[in-house]
């Protein structure tokens, strides 16, 4: 394999940075806004025995991101017991769930911030399967996106509110889910 060119290294770094932005500046604030509208009981409501509650989805997102990024391409130990994320039925308070998710994303971001972009095509073993770092980062990002969408849908169902993630008052969509930092 030939060594990466500066242009491909820039594209690789841009890919990693975009994943970091989606996780911490797009998905997390939307999830936080959803949780603010719901009670602990609503967070653990499920439509039927085959469905997951928002609480289960938050445990699952934390477990998945930690396994694939922190443990998978980082150096962290893999202590995940995936089935427990779905089996949980006792109410874990919203504040604990949010703390877990935020800490997971801090840890994920720390791994991605220093990840050597020239190693994106390096193989790692995650869930007993060979995957490249690029696949792992892409998987976690799209996985977070999918479950964030489910959390948004459940929140709309349970709260009967428009979450107003965008302001269309000027005609052009303006993101409204995260206050801009000074």
C-alpha atoms as a PDB file:
ATOM      1  CA  UNK A   1       0.000   0.000   0.000  1.00  0.00           C
ATOM      2  CA  UNK A   2       1.377   3.418  -0.878  1.00  0.00           C
ATOM      3  CA  UNK A   3       1.792   6.037   1.801  1.00  0.00           C
ATOM      4  CA  UNK A   4      -0.988   8.614   2.107  1.00  0.00           C
ATOM      5  CA  UNK A   5      -0.650  11.925   0.338  1.00  0.00           C
ATOM      6  CA  UNK A   6      -1.140  15.219   2.177  1.00  0.00           C
ATOM      7  CA  UNK A   7      -4.487  15.651   0.396  1.00  0.00           C
ATOM      8  CA  UNK A   8      -5.746  12.242   1.544  1.00  0.00           C
ATOM      9  CA  UNK A   9      -4.517  12.929   5.069  1.00  0.00           C
ATOM     10  CA  UNK A  10      -6.501  16.200   5.016  1.00  0.00           C
ATOM     11  CA  UNK A  11      -9.613  14.355   3.795  1.00  0.00           C
ATOM     12  CA  UNK A  12      -9.074  11.708   6.480  1.00  0.00           C
ATOM     13  CA  UNK A  13      -8.717  14.314   9.223  1.00  0.00           C
ATOM     14  CA  UNK A  14     -11.804  16.143   7.884  1.00  0.00           C
ATOM     15  CA  UNK A  15     -13.783  12.870   8.066  1.00  0.00           C
ATOM     16  CA  UNK A  16     -12.758  12.333  11.699  1.00  0.00           C
ATOM     17  CA  UNK A  17     -13.504  15.956  12.630  1.00  0.00           C
ATOM     18  CA  UNK A  18     -16.934  15.786  10.997  1.00  0.00           C
ATOM     19  CA  UNK A  19     -17.755  12.630  12.961  1.00  0.00           C
ATOM     20  CA  UNK A  20     -16.717  14.417  16.180  1.00  0.00           C
ATOM     21  CA  UNK A  21     -18.934  17.377  15.278  1.00  0.00           C
ATOM     22  CA  UNK A  22     -21.974  15.212  14.515  1.00  0.00           C
ATOM     23  CA  UNK A  23     -21.658  13.277  17.773  1.00  0.00           C
ATOM     24  CA  UNK A  24     -21.076  16.138  20.221  1.00  0.00           C
ATOM     25  CA  UNK A  25     -22.570  19.189  18.476  1.00  0.00           C
ATOM     26  CA  UNK A  26     -25.542  17.727  16.619  1.00  0.00           C
ATOM     27  CA  UNK A  27     -26.825  14.451  18.084  1.00  0.00           C
ATOM     28  CA  UNK A  28     -26.068  15.061  21.770  1.00  0.00           C
ATOM     29  CA  UNK A  29     -27.817  18.466  22.001  1.00  0.00           C
ATOM     30  CA  UNK A  30     -30.885  17.046  20.226  1.00  0.00           C
ATOM     31  CA  UNK A  31     -31.009  14.137  22.667  1.00  0.00           C
ATOM     32  CA  UNK A  32     -30.602  16.539  25.597  1.00  0.00           C
ATOM     33  CA  UNK A  33     -33.493  18.656  24.325  1.00  0.00           C
ATOM     34  CA  UNK A  34     -35.650  15.533  24.074  1.00  0.00           C
ATOM     35  CA  UNK A  35     -34.826  14.425  27.611  1.00  0.00           C
ATOM     36  CA  UNK A  36     -35.674  17.871  28.998  1.00  0.00           C
ATOM     37  CA  UNK A  37     -39.271  17.413  27.800  1.00  0.00           C
ATOM     38  CA  UNK A  38     -39.825  13.985  29.325  1.00  0.00           C
ATOM     39  CA  UNK A  39     -40.295  12.487  32.774  1.00  0.00           C
ATOM     40  CA  UNK A  40     -38.238   9.518  33.886  1.00  0.00           C
ATOM     41  CA  UNK A  41     -41.321   7.342  33.394  1.00  0.00           C
ATOM     42  CA  UNK A  42     -41.729   8.546  29.809  1.00  0.00           C
ATOM     43  CA  UNK A  43     -38.035   7.896  29.120  1.00  0.00           C
ATOM     44  CA  UNK A  44     -38.605   4.270  30.103  1.00  0.00           C
ATOM     45  CA  UNK A  45     -41.985   3.850  28.320  1.00  0.00           C
ATOM     46  CA  UNK A  46     -42.085   1.240  25.585  1.00  0.00           C
ATOM     47  CA  UNK A  47     -44.773   0.648  22.975  1.00  0.00           C
ATOM     48  CA  UNK A  48     -44.605  -3.125  23.436  1.00  0.00           C
ATOM     49  CA  UNK A  49     -42.285  -5.851  24.713  1.00  0.00           C
ATOM     50  CA  UNK A  50     -40.357  -5.932  21.421  1.00  0.00           C
ATOM     51  CA  UNK A  51     -39.681  -2.181  21.426  1.00  0.00           C
ATOM     52  CA  UNK A  52     -36.966  -0.264  23.201  1.00  0.00           C
ATOM     53  CA  UNK A  53     -37.509   2.667  25.495  1.00  0.00           C
ATOM     54  CA  UNK A  54     -35.505   5.870  25.144  1.00  0.00           C
ATOM     55  CA  UNK A  55     -33.668   4.740  28.276  1.00  0.00           C
ATOM     56  CA  UNK A  56     -32.643   1.496  26.574  1.00  0.00           C
ATOM     57  CA  UNK A  57     -31.540   3.425  23.495  1.00  0.00           C
ATOM     58  CA  UNK A  58     -29.343   5.711  25.621  1.00  0.00           C
ATOM     59  CA  UNK A  59     -27.694   2.730  27.314  1.00  0.00           C
ATOM     60  CA  UNK A  60     -27.226   1.141  23.895  1.00  0.00           C
ATOM     61  CA  UNK A  61     -25.686   4.273  22.357  1.00  0.00           C
ATOM     62  CA  UNK A  62     -23.248   4.540  25.249  1.00  0.00           C
ATOM     63  CA  UNK A  63     -22.295   0.874  25.044  1.00  0.00           C
ATOM     64  CA  UNK A  64     -21.923   0.877  21.274  1.00  0.00           C
ATOM     65  CA  UNK A  65     -19.831   4.061  21.037  1.00  0.00           C
ATOM     66  CA  UNK A  66     -17.593   2.960  23.902  1.00  0.00           C
ATOM     67  CA  UNK A  67     -17.060  -0.518  22.402  1.00  0.00           C
ATOM     68  CA  UNK A  68     -16.398   0.620  18.838  1.00  0.00           C
ATOM     69  CA  UNK A  69     -14.334   3.758  19.489  1.00  0.00           C
ATOM     70  CA  UNK A  70     -12.943   3.847  23.031  1.00  0.00           C
ATOM     71  CA  UNK A  71     -12.196   0.113  23.165  1.00  0.00           C
ATOM     72  CA  UNK A  72     -12.188  -0.768  19.473  1.00  0.00           C
ATOM     73  CA  UNK A  73      -9.803   1.778  17.966  1.00  0.00           C
ATOM     74  CA  UNK A  74      -8.648   3.254  21.272  1.00  0.00           C
ATOM     75  CA  UNK A  75      -6.877   1.460  24.083  1.00  0.00           C
ATOM     76  CA  UNK A  76      -9.789   1.146  26.527  1.00  0.00           C
ATOM     77  CA  UNK A  77     -10.919  -2.211  27.895  1.00  0.00           C
ATOM     78  CA  UNK A  78     -14.088  -3.711  26.405  1.00  0.00           C
ATOM     79  CA  UNK A  79     -16.426  -4.527  29.311  1.00  0.00           C
ATOM     80  CA  UNK A  80     -19.644  -4.258  27.326  1.00  0.00           C
ATOM     81  CA  UNK A  81     -22.474  -6.702  27.926  1.00  0.00           C
ATOM     82  CA  UNK A  82     -24.702  -5.640  25.031  1.00  0.00           C
ATOM     83  CA  UNK A  83     -27.827  -7.567  25.993  1.00  0.00           C
ATOM     84  CA  UNK A  84     -28.036  -5.743  29.348  1.00  0.00           C
ATOM     85  CA  UNK A  85     -28.643  -2.476  27.464  1.00  0.00           C
ATOM     86  CA  UNK A  86     -31.898  -3.921  26.125  1.00  0.00           C
ATOM     87  CA  UNK A  87     -32.885  -5.989  29.176  1.00  0.00           C
ATOM     88  CA  UNK A  88     -32.871  -2.987  31.541  1.00  0.00           C
ATOM     89  CA  UNK A  89     -36.402  -2.350  32.814  1.00  0.00           C
ATOM     90  CA  UNK A  90     -35.837  -0.537  36.131  1.00  0.00           C
ATOM     91  CA  UNK A  91     -35.943   3.227  35.785  1.00  0.00           C
ATOM     92  CA  UNK A  92     -32.525   4.849  35.706  1.00  0.00           C
ATOM     93  CA  UNK A  93     -33.033   8.599  36.241  1.00  0.00           C
ATOM     94  CA  UNK A  94     -32.623  10.921  33.268  1.00  0.00           C
ATOM     95  CA  UNK A  95     -29.691  12.687  34.948  1.00  0.00           C
ATOM     96  CA  UNK A  96     -27.751   9.406  35.264  1.00  0.00           C
ATOM     97  CA  UNK A  97     -28.469   8.432  31.673  1.00  0.00           C
ATOM     98  CA  UNK A  98     -27.361  11.825  30.417  1.00  0.00           C
ATOM     99  CA  UNK A  99     -24.206  11.750  32.541  1.00  0.00           C
ATOM    100  CA  UNK A 100     -23.353   8.309  31.115  1.00  0.00           C
ATOM    101  CA  UNK A 101     -23.948   9.433  27.527  1.00  0.00           C
ATOM    102  CA  UNK A 102     -21.975  12.664  27.959  1.00  0.00           C
ATOM    103  CA  UNK A 103     -19.025  10.860  29.550  1.00  0.00           C
ATOM    104  CA  UNK A 104     -19.053   8.300  26.771  1.00  0.00           C
ATOM    105  CA  UNK A 105     -18.932  11.061  24.174  1.00  0.00           C
ATOM    106  CA  UNK A 106     -16.127  12.844  26.055  1.00  0.00           C
ATOM    107  CA  UNK A 107     -14.161   9.587  25.947  1.00  0.00           C
ATOM    108  CA  UNK A 108     -15.014   8.973  22.274  1.00  0.00           C
ATOM    109  CA  UNK A 109     -14.005  12.517  21.395  1.00  0.00           C
ATOM    110  CA  UNK A 110     -10.697  12.143  23.249  1.00  0.00           C
ATOM    111  CA  UNK A 111      -9.845   9.042  21.181  1.00  0.00           C
ATOM    112  CA  UNK A 112     -10.855  10.678  17.898  1.00  0.00           C
ATOM    113  CA  UNK A 113      -9.042  13.948  18.685  1.00  0.00           C
ATOM    114  CA  UNK A 114      -5.678  12.173  18.731  1.00  0.00           C
ATOM    115  CA  UNK A 115      -6.394   9.353  16.293  1.00  0.00           C
ATOM    116  CA  UNK A 116      -3.707   9.143  13.596  1.00  0.00           C
ATOM    117  CA  UNK A 117      -5.636   9.742  10.385  1.00  0.00           C
ATOM    118  CA  UNK A 118      -3.095   7.707   8.418  1.00  0.00           C
ATOM    119  CA  UNK A 119      -4.445   4.642  10.266  1.00  0.00           C
ATOM    120  CA  UNK A 120      -8.044   4.955   9.037  1.00  0.00           C
ATOM    121  CA  UNK A 121      -7.627   1.847   6.880  1.00  0.00           C
ATOM    122  CA  UNK A 122      -5.953  -0.168   9.631  1.00  0.00           C
ATOM    123  CA  UNK A 123      -7.911  -3.237  10.710  1.00  0.00           C
ATOM    124  CA  UNK A 124      -9.163  -3.650  14.267  1.00  0.00           C
ATOM    125  CA  UNK A 125     -11.209  -6.465  15.789  1.00  0.00           C
ATOM    126  CA  UNK A 126     -14.538  -5.214  17.136  1.00  0.00           C
ATOM    127  CA  UNK A 127     -17.308  -7.595  18.165  1.00  0.00           C
ATOM    128  CA  UNK A 128     -15.026 -10.382  16.946  1.00  0.00           C
ATOM    129  CA  UNK A 129     -15.064  -8.992  13.380  1.00  0.00           C
ATOM    130  CA  UNK A 130     -12.271  -7.285  11.430  1.00  0.00           C
ATOM    131  CA  UNK A 131     -13.179  -3.673  10.621  1.00  0.00           C
ATOM    132  CA  UNK A 132     -11.142  -0.663   9.610  1.00  0.00           C
ATOM    133  CA  UNK A 133     -11.018   2.410  11.807  1.00  0.00           C
ATOM    134  CA  UNK A 134     -12.931   4.233   9.052  1.00  0.00           C
ATOM    135  CA  UNK A 135     -15.705   1.626   9.260  1.00  0.00           C
ATOM    136  CA  UNK A 136     -15.797   1.876  13.058  1.00  0.00           C
ATOM    137  CA  UNK A 137     -16.056   5.678  13.062  1.00  0.00           C
ATOM    138  CA  UNK A 138     -18.638   5.653  10.274  1.00  0.00           C
ATOM    139  CA  UNK A 139     -20.641   2.943  12.058  1.00  0.00           C
ATOM    140  CA  UNK A 140     -20.778   4.837  15.354  1.00  0.00           C
ATOM    141  CA  UNK A 141     -21.756   8.086  13.616  1.00  0.00           C
ATOM    142  CA  UNK A 142     -24.567   6.557  11.551  1.00  0.00           C
ATOM    143  CA  UNK A 143     -25.682   4.401  14.484  1.00  0.00           C
ATOM    144  CA  UNK A 144     -25.946   7.501  16.674  1.00  0.00           C
ATOM    145  CA  UNK A 145     -27.894   9.262  13.924  1.00  0.00           C
ATOM    146  CA  UNK A 146     -30.396   6.422  13.574  1.00  0.00           C
ATOM    147  CA  UNK A 147     -31.093   6.124  17.296  1.00  0.00           C
ATOM    148  CA  UNK A 148     -31.206   9.910  17.738  1.00  0.00           C
ATOM    149  CA  UNK A 149     -33.999   9.895  15.152  1.00  0.00           C
ATOM    150  CA  UNK A 150     -35.852   7.228  17.120  1.00  0.00           C
ATOM    151  CA  UNK A 151     -35.451   9.243  20.331  1.00  0.00           C
ATOM    152  CA  UNK A 152     -36.802  12.338  18.552  1.00  0.00           C
ATOM    153  CA  UNK A 153     -39.805  10.407  17.218  1.00  0.00           C
ATOM    154  CA  UNK A 154     -40.605   8.903  20.626  1.00  0.00           C
ATOM    155  CA  UNK A 155     -40.239  12.318  22.265  1.00  0.00           C
ATOM    156  CA  UNK A 156     -42.670  13.872  19.783  1.00  0.00           C
ATOM    157  CA  UNK A 157     -45.135  11.045  20.428  1.00  0.00           C
ATOM    158  CA  UNK A 158     -44.877  11.325  24.203  1.00  0.00           C
ATOM    159  CA  UNK A 159     -44.742  15.113  24.511  1.00  0.00           C
ATOM    160  CA  UNK A 160     -46.971  16.085  21.564  1.00  0.00           C
ATOM    161  CA  UNK A 161     -44.594  19.011  20.985  1.00  0.00           C
ATOM    162  CA  UNK A 162     -42.658  20.344  18.028  1.00  0.00           C
ATOM    163  CA  UNK A 163     -39.025  20.152  19.089  1.00  0.00           C
ATOM    164  CA  UNK A 164     -38.142  23.203  16.969  1.00  0.00           C
ATOM    165  CA  UNK A 165     -34.641  22.110  16.029  1.00  0.00           C
ATOM    166  CA  UNK A 166     -34.640  24.642  13.210  1.00  0.00           C
ATOM    167  CA  UNK A 167     -35.873  28.227  12.947  1.00  0.00           C
ATOM    168  CA  UNK A 168     -37.428  28.892   9.539  1.00  0.00           C
ATOM    169  CA  UNK A 169     -38.581  32.467  10.288  1.00  0.00           C
ATOM    170  CA  UNK A 170     -36.123  33.983   7.817  1.00  0.00           C
ATOM    171  CA  UNK A 171     -36.933  31.431   5.100  1.00  0.00           C
ATOM    172  CA  UNK A 172     -33.572  29.696   5.443  1.00  0.00           C
ATOM    173  CA  UNK A 173     -33.209  26.971   8.062  1.00  0.00           C
ATOM    174  CA  UNK A 174     -31.167  28.067  11.074  1.00  0.00           C
ATOM    175  CA  UNK A 175     -30.081  25.443  13.538  1.00  0.00           C
ATOM    176  CA  UNK A 176     -31.730  26.054  16.890  1.00  0.00           C
ATOM    177  CA  UNK A 177     -30.814  22.954  18.903  1.00  0.00           C
ATOM    178  CA  UNK A 178     -27.549  24.293  20.311  1.00  0.00           C
ATOM    179  CA  UNK A 179     -26.734  27.784  21.464  1.00  0.00           C
ATOM    180  CA  UNK A 180     -23.655  29.151  19.767  1.00  0.00           C
ATOM    181  CA  UNK A 181     -20.591  29.468  21.973  1.00  0.00           C
ATOM    182  CA  UNK A 182     -18.991  32.894  22.336  1.00  0.00           C
END
